[in-house]
PDB file of N, CA and C in Angstrom:
ATOM      1  N   MET A   1     164.949 156.972  54.737  1.00  0.00           N
ATOM      2  CA  MET A   1     165.887 157.644  54.978  1.00  0.00           C
ATOM      3  C   MET A   1     166.260 157.579  56.702  1.00  0.00           C
ATOM      4  N   MET A   2     165.278 157.398  57.565  1.00  0.00           N
ATOM      5  CA  MET A   2     165.202 157.675  58.787  1.00  0.00           C
ATOM      6  C   MET A   2     165.556 155.905  59.321  1.00  0.00           C
ATOM      7  N   ILE A   3     165.065 155.299  58.369  1.00  0.00           N
ATOM      8  CA  ILE A   3     165.157 153.507  59.237  1.00  0.00           C
ATOM      9  C   ILE A   3     166.491 153.322  58.791  1.00  0.00           C
ATOM     10  N   LEU A   4     167.008 153.691  57.900  1.00  0.00           N
ATOM     11  CA  LEU A   4     168.740 153.729  57.181  1.00  0.00           C
ATOM     12  C   LEU A   4     169.681 154.149  58.048  1.00  0.00           C
ATOM     13  N   HIS A   5     169.384 155.480  58.721  1.00  0.00           N
ATOM     14  CA  HIS A   5     170.215 156.410  59.412  1.00  0.00           C
ATOM     15  C   HIS A   5     169.827 157.041  60.537  1.00  0.00           C
ATOM     16  N   PRO A   6     169.020 156.282  61.359  1.00  0.00           N
ATOM     17  CA  PRO A   6     168.310 156.819  62.655  1.00  0.00           C
ATOM     18  C   PRO A   6     169.048 157.781  63.640  1.00  0.00           C
ATOM     19  N   GLU A   7     170.454 157.751  63.323  1.00  0.00           N
ATOM     20  CA  GLU A   7     171.004 158.872  64.111  1.00  0.00           C
ATOM     21  C   GLU A   7     171.774 159.968  63.510  1.00  0.00           C
ATOM     22  N   ARG A   8     170.794 160.100  62.233  1.00  0.00           N
ATOM     23  CA  ARG A   8     171.120 161.650  61.537  1.00  0.00           C
ATOM     24  C   ARG A   8     169.613 162.440  61.786  1.00  0.00           C
ATOM     25  N   PRO A   9     170.157 163.470  62.435  1.00  0.00           N
ATOM     26  CA  PRO A   9     168.876 164.578  63.112  1.00  0.00           C
ATOM     27  C   PRO A   9     168.482 165.292  62.189  1.00  0.00           C
ATOM     28  N   ASP A  10     168.908 165.569  60.891  1.00  0.00           N
ATOM     29  CA  ASP A  10     168.488 166.187  59.601  1.00  0.00           C
ATOM     30  C   ASP A  10     167.097 165.473  59.086  1.00  0.00           C
ATOM     31  N   TYR A  11     167.176 164.292  58.913  1.00  0.00           N
ATOM     32  CA  TYR A  11     165.836 163.697  58.789  1.00  0.00           C
ATOM     33  C   TYR A  11     164.611 163.910  59.256  1.00  0.00           C
ATOM     34  N   TYR A  12     165.099 164.338  60.841  1.00  0.00           N
ATOM     35  CA  TYR A  12     164.054 164.415  61.738  1.00  0.00           C
ATOM     36  C   TYR A  12     163.456 166.012  61.634  1.00  0.00           C
ATOM     37  N   VAL A  13     164.310 166.929  61.657  1.00  0.00           N
ATOM     38  CA  VAL A  13     164.070 168.099  61.599  1.00  0.00           C
ATOM     39  C   VAL A  13     163.432 168.272  60.037  1.00  0.00           C
ATOM     40  N   MET A  14     163.717 167.378  59.036  1.00  0.00           N
ATOM     41  CA  MET A  14     162.913 167.670  57.661  1.00  0.00           C
ATOM     42  C   MET A  14     161.672 167.502  57.955  1.00  0.00           C
ATOM     43  N   ILE A  15     161.108 166.445  58.553  1.00  0.00           N
ATOM     44  CA  ILE A  15     159.893 165.959  59.035  1.00  0.00           C
ATOM     45  C   ILE A  15     159.154 166.878  59.803  1.00  0.00           C
ATOM     46  N   SER A  16     159.944 167.425  60.774  1.00  0.00           N
ATOM     47  CA  SER A  16     159.258 168.390  61.970  1.00  0.00           C
ATOM     48  C   SER A  16     158.838 169.531  60.861  1.00  0.00           C
ATOM     49  N   ASN A  17     159.925 170.273  59.849  1.00  0.00           N
ATOM     50  CA  ASN A  17     159.872 171.274  59.106  1.00  0.00           C
ATOM     51  C   ASN A  17     157.857 171.275  58.207  1.00  0.00           C
ATOM     52  N   LEU A  18     158.078 169.617  57.833  1.00  0.00           N
ATOM     53  CA  LEU A  18     156.731 169.386  56.732  1.00  0.00           C
ATOM     54  C   LEU A  18     155.816 169.726  57.345  1.00  0.00           C
ATOM     55  N   TYR A  19     155.620 168.780  59.274  1.00  0.00           N
ATOM     56  CA  TYR A  19     154.701 168.890  59.922  1.00  0.00           C
ATOM     57  C   TYR A  19     154.307 170.434  60.223  1.00  0.00           C
ATOM     58  N   THR A  20     155.430 171.547  60.593  1.00  0.00           N
ATOM     59  CA  THR A  20     154.952 172.537  60.527  1.00  0.00           C
ATOM     60  C   THR A  20     154.643 173.559  59.174  1.00  0.00           C
ATOM     61  N   SER A  21     154.877 173.165  58.350  1.00  0.00           N
ATOM     62  CA  SER A  21     154.341 174.043  57.312  1.00  0.00           C
ATOM     63  C   SER A  21     153.152 173.647  56.622  1.00  0.00           C
ATOM     64  N   TYR A  22     152.332 172.527  57.228  1.00  0.00           N
ATOM     65  CA  TYR A  22     151.088 172.017  57.270  1.00  0.00           C
ATOM     66  C   TYR A  22     150.298 172.780  58.370  1.00  0.00           C
ATOM     67  N   GLY A  23     150.668 173.134  59.185  1.00  0.00           N
ATOM     68  CA  GLY A  23     150.153 173.678  60.394  1.00  0.00           C
ATOM     69  C   GLY A  23     150.019 172.696  61.449  1.00  0.00           C
ATOM     70  N   MET A  24     150.564 171.768  61.482  1.00  0.00           N
ATOM     71  CA  MET A  24     150.788 170.543  62.278  1.00  0.00           C
ATOM     72  C   MET A  24     151.388 170.791  63.568  1.00  0.00           C
ATOM     73  N   TRP A  25     151.215 171.852  64.254  1.00  0.00           N
ATOM     74  CA  TRP A  25     152.615 172.133  65.308  1.00  0.00           C
ATOM     75  C   TRP A  25     152.593 170.935  66.660  1.00  0.00           C
ATOM     76  N   ASP A  26     151.915 170.336  66.888  1.00  0.00           N
ATOM     77  CA  ASP A  26     151.635 169.448  68.173  1.00  0.00           C
ATOM     78  C   ASP A  26     152.727 167.899  67.363  1.00  0.00           C
ATOM     79  N   LYS A  27     152.354 167.771  66.298  1.00  0.00           N
ATOM     80  CA  LYS A  27     153.577 166.637  65.803  1.00  0.00           C
ATOM     81  C   LYS A  27     154.479 167.083  65.388  1.00  0.00           C
ATOM     82  N   SER A  28     154.952 168.414  64.960  1.00  0.00           N
ATOM     83  CA  SER A  28     156.336 168.794  65.026  1.00  0.00           C
ATOM     84  C   SER A  28     156.734 169.281  66.399  1.00  0.00           C
ATOM     85  N   MET A  29     156.311 169.381  67.051  1.00  0.00           N
ATOM     86  CA  MET A  29     156.743 169.784  68.707  1.00  0.00           C
ATOM     87  C   MET A  29     157.306 168.092  69.416  1.00  0.00           C
ATOM     88  N   ALA A  30     156.085 167.219  68.923  1.00  0.00           N
ATOM     89  CA  ALA A  30     156.328 165.717  69.286  1.00  0.00           C
ATOM     90  C   ALA A  30     157.705 165.255  68.597  1.00  0.00           C
ATOM     91  N   ILE A  31     157.883 165.786  67.317  1.00  0.00           N
ATOM     92  CA  ILE A  31     159.146 165.309  66.543  1.00  0.00           C
ATOM     93  C   ILE A  31     160.369 165.780  67.444  1.00  0.00           C
ATOM     94  N   ARG A  32     160.375 166.965  67.614  1.00  0.00           N
ATOM     95  CA  ARG A  32     161.234 167.961  68.270  1.00  0.00           C
ATOM     96  C   ARG A  32     161.831 167.414  69.789  1.00  0.00           C
ATOM     97  N   ARG A  33     160.608 166.676  70.363  1.00  0.00           N
ATOM     98  CA  ARG A  33     160.761 166.890  71.637  1.00  0.00           C
ATOM     99  C   ARG A  33     161.394 165.206  71.606  1.00  0.00           C
ATOM    100  N   TRP A  34     161.155 164.316  71.043  1.00  0.00           N
ATOM    101  CA  TRP A  34     161.660 162.889  70.790  1.00  0.00           C
ATOM    102  C   TRP A  34     163.241 162.964  70.421  1.00  0.00           C
ATOM    103  N   MET A  35     163.653 164.110  69.556  1.00  0.00           N
ATOM    104  CA  MET A  35     165.143 164.131  69.232  1.00  0.00           C
ATOM    105  C   MET A  35     165.466 164.709  70.663  1.00  0.00           C
ATOM    106  N   GLN A  36     164.837 165.754  71.455  1.00  0.00           N
ATOM    107  CA  GLN A  36     165.623 166.226  72.566  1.00  0.00           C
ATOM    108  C   GLN A  36     165.988 164.984  73.080  1.00  0.00           C
ATOM    109  N   ASP A  37     165.141 164.292  73.912  1.00  0.00           N
ATOM    110  CA  ASP A  37     164.905 163.268  74.612  1.00  0.00           C
ATOM    111  C   ASP A  37     165.711 162.017  74.096  1.00  0.00           C
ATOM    112  N   ARG A  38     166.466 161.870  72.902  1.00  0.00           N
ATOM    113  CA  ARG A  38     167.898 161.028  72.283  1.00  0.00           C
ATOM    114  C   ARG A  38     168.642 161.535  72.022  1.00  0.00           C
ATOM    115  N   GLY A  39     168.822 163.019  72.340  1.00  0.00           N
ATOM    116  CA  GLY A  39     170.074 164.084  72.458  1.00  0.00           C
ATOM    117  C   GLY A  39     170.737 164.138  71.049  1.00  0.00           C
ATOM    118  N   LEU A  40     169.326 164.074  70.235  1.00  0.00           N
ATOM    119  CA  LEU A  40     170.084 164.427  68.750  1.00  0.00           C
ATOM    120  C   LEU A  40     169.759 166.025  68.653  1.00  0.00           C
ATOM    121  N   VAL A  41     170.734 166.328  67.922  1.00  0.00           N
ATOM    122  CA  VAL A  41     171.234 167.780  67.971  1.00  0.00           C
ATOM    123  C   VAL A  41     171.600 168.158  66.149  1.00  0.00           C
ATOM    124  N   LYS A  42     170.842 168.626  65.784  1.00  0.00           N
ATOM    125  CA  LYS A  42     170.853 169.358  64.383  1.00  0.00           C
ATOM    126  C   LYS A  42     172.400 170.024  64.354  1.00  0.00           C
ATOM    127  N   VAL A  43     173.291 169.735  63.652  1.00  0.00           N
ATOM    128  CA  VAL A  43     174.424 170.657  63.355  1.00  0.00           C
ATOM    129  C   VAL A  43     173.925 171.753  62.434  1.00  0.00           C
ATOM    130  N   PRO A  44     174.149 173.195  62.784  1.00  0.00           N
ATOM    131  CA  PRO A  44     174.118 174.112  61.997  1.00  0.00           C
ATOM    132  C   PRO A  44     174.578 174.238  60.760  1.00  0.00           C
ATOM    133  N   GLY A  45     174.172 174.742  59.566  1.00  0.00           N
ATOM    134  CA  GLY A  45     174.736 175.040  58.460  1.00  0.00           C
ATOM    135  C   GLY A  45     175.112 176.195  58.215  1.00  0.00           C
ATOM    136  N   CYS A  46     175.973 176.043  57.262  1.00  0.00           N
ATOM    137  CA  CYS A  46     176.662 177.582  56.881  1.00  0.00           C
ATOM    138  C   CYS A  46     176.767 177.455  55.121  1.00  0.00           C
ATOM    139  N   SER A  47     177.160 178.942  54.872  1.00  0.00           N
ATOM    140  CA  SER A  47     176.873 179.114  53.511  1.00  0.00           C
ATOM    141  C   SER A  47     178.352 179.959  53.304  1.00  0.00           C
ATOM    142  N   SER A  48     178.948 180.423  52.414  1.00  0.00           N
ATOM    143  CA  SER A  48     179.661 181.329  51.578  1.00  0.00           C
ATOM    144  C   SER A  48     179.641 181.542  50.431  1.00  0.00           C
ATOM    145  N   VAL A  49     179.966 183.171  50.156  1.00  0.00           N
ATOM    146  CA  VAL A  49     179.628 183.579  48.848  1.00  0.00           C
ATOM    147  C   VAL A  49     180.810 183.950  48.561  1.00  0.00           C
ATOM    148  N   GLY A  50     181.526 183.657  47.285  1.00  0.00           N
ATOM    149  CA  GLY A  50     182.646 184.376  47.112  1.00  0.00           C
ATOM    150  C   GLY A  50     182.458 185.660  45.967  1.00  0.00           C
ATOM    151  N   LEU A  51     183.046 186.352  45.841  1.00  0.00           N
ATOM    152  CA  LEU A  51     183.341 187.872  45.158  1.00  0.00           C
ATOM    153  C   LEU A  51     184.294 187.621  44.541  1.00  0.00           C
ATOM    154  N   GLU A  52     184.348 188.320  43.349  1.00  0.00           N
ATOM    155  CA  GLU A  52     185.362 188.708  42.267  1.00  0.00           C
ATOM    156  C   GLU A  52     185.516 189.892  42.262  1.00  0.00           C
ATOM    157  N   ASN A  53     186.747 190.604  42.869  1.00  0.00           N
ATOM    158  CA  ASN A  53     187.693 191.630  42.546  1.00  0.00           C
ATOM    159  C   ASN A  53     187.196 192.365  41.274  1.00  0.00           C
ATOM    160  N   GLY A  54     186.248 193.640  41.017  1.00  0.00           N
ATOM    161  CA  GLY A  54     186.132 194.240  39.481  1.00  0.00           C
ATOM    162  C   GLY A  54     185.338 194.996  39.499  1.00  0.00           C
TER     163      GLY A  54
END
C-alpha cells in the first residue's frame, strides 16, 4: 500500500506500531523520523457513540 499511496501517513504509522509491538524501537523511531522529515502527519481519528433515550 505504501508503494501505491506513499503520501498517506497512516500506512507508515501502522508499520511503526508493528515495529513497536515487537520491541523494535529503533526501527519504529526511524519510520517516525522519516515521516517527520517529509512532512507526513497522521490525521487524528475520532469516534462517536450514539445513545438512545430510554
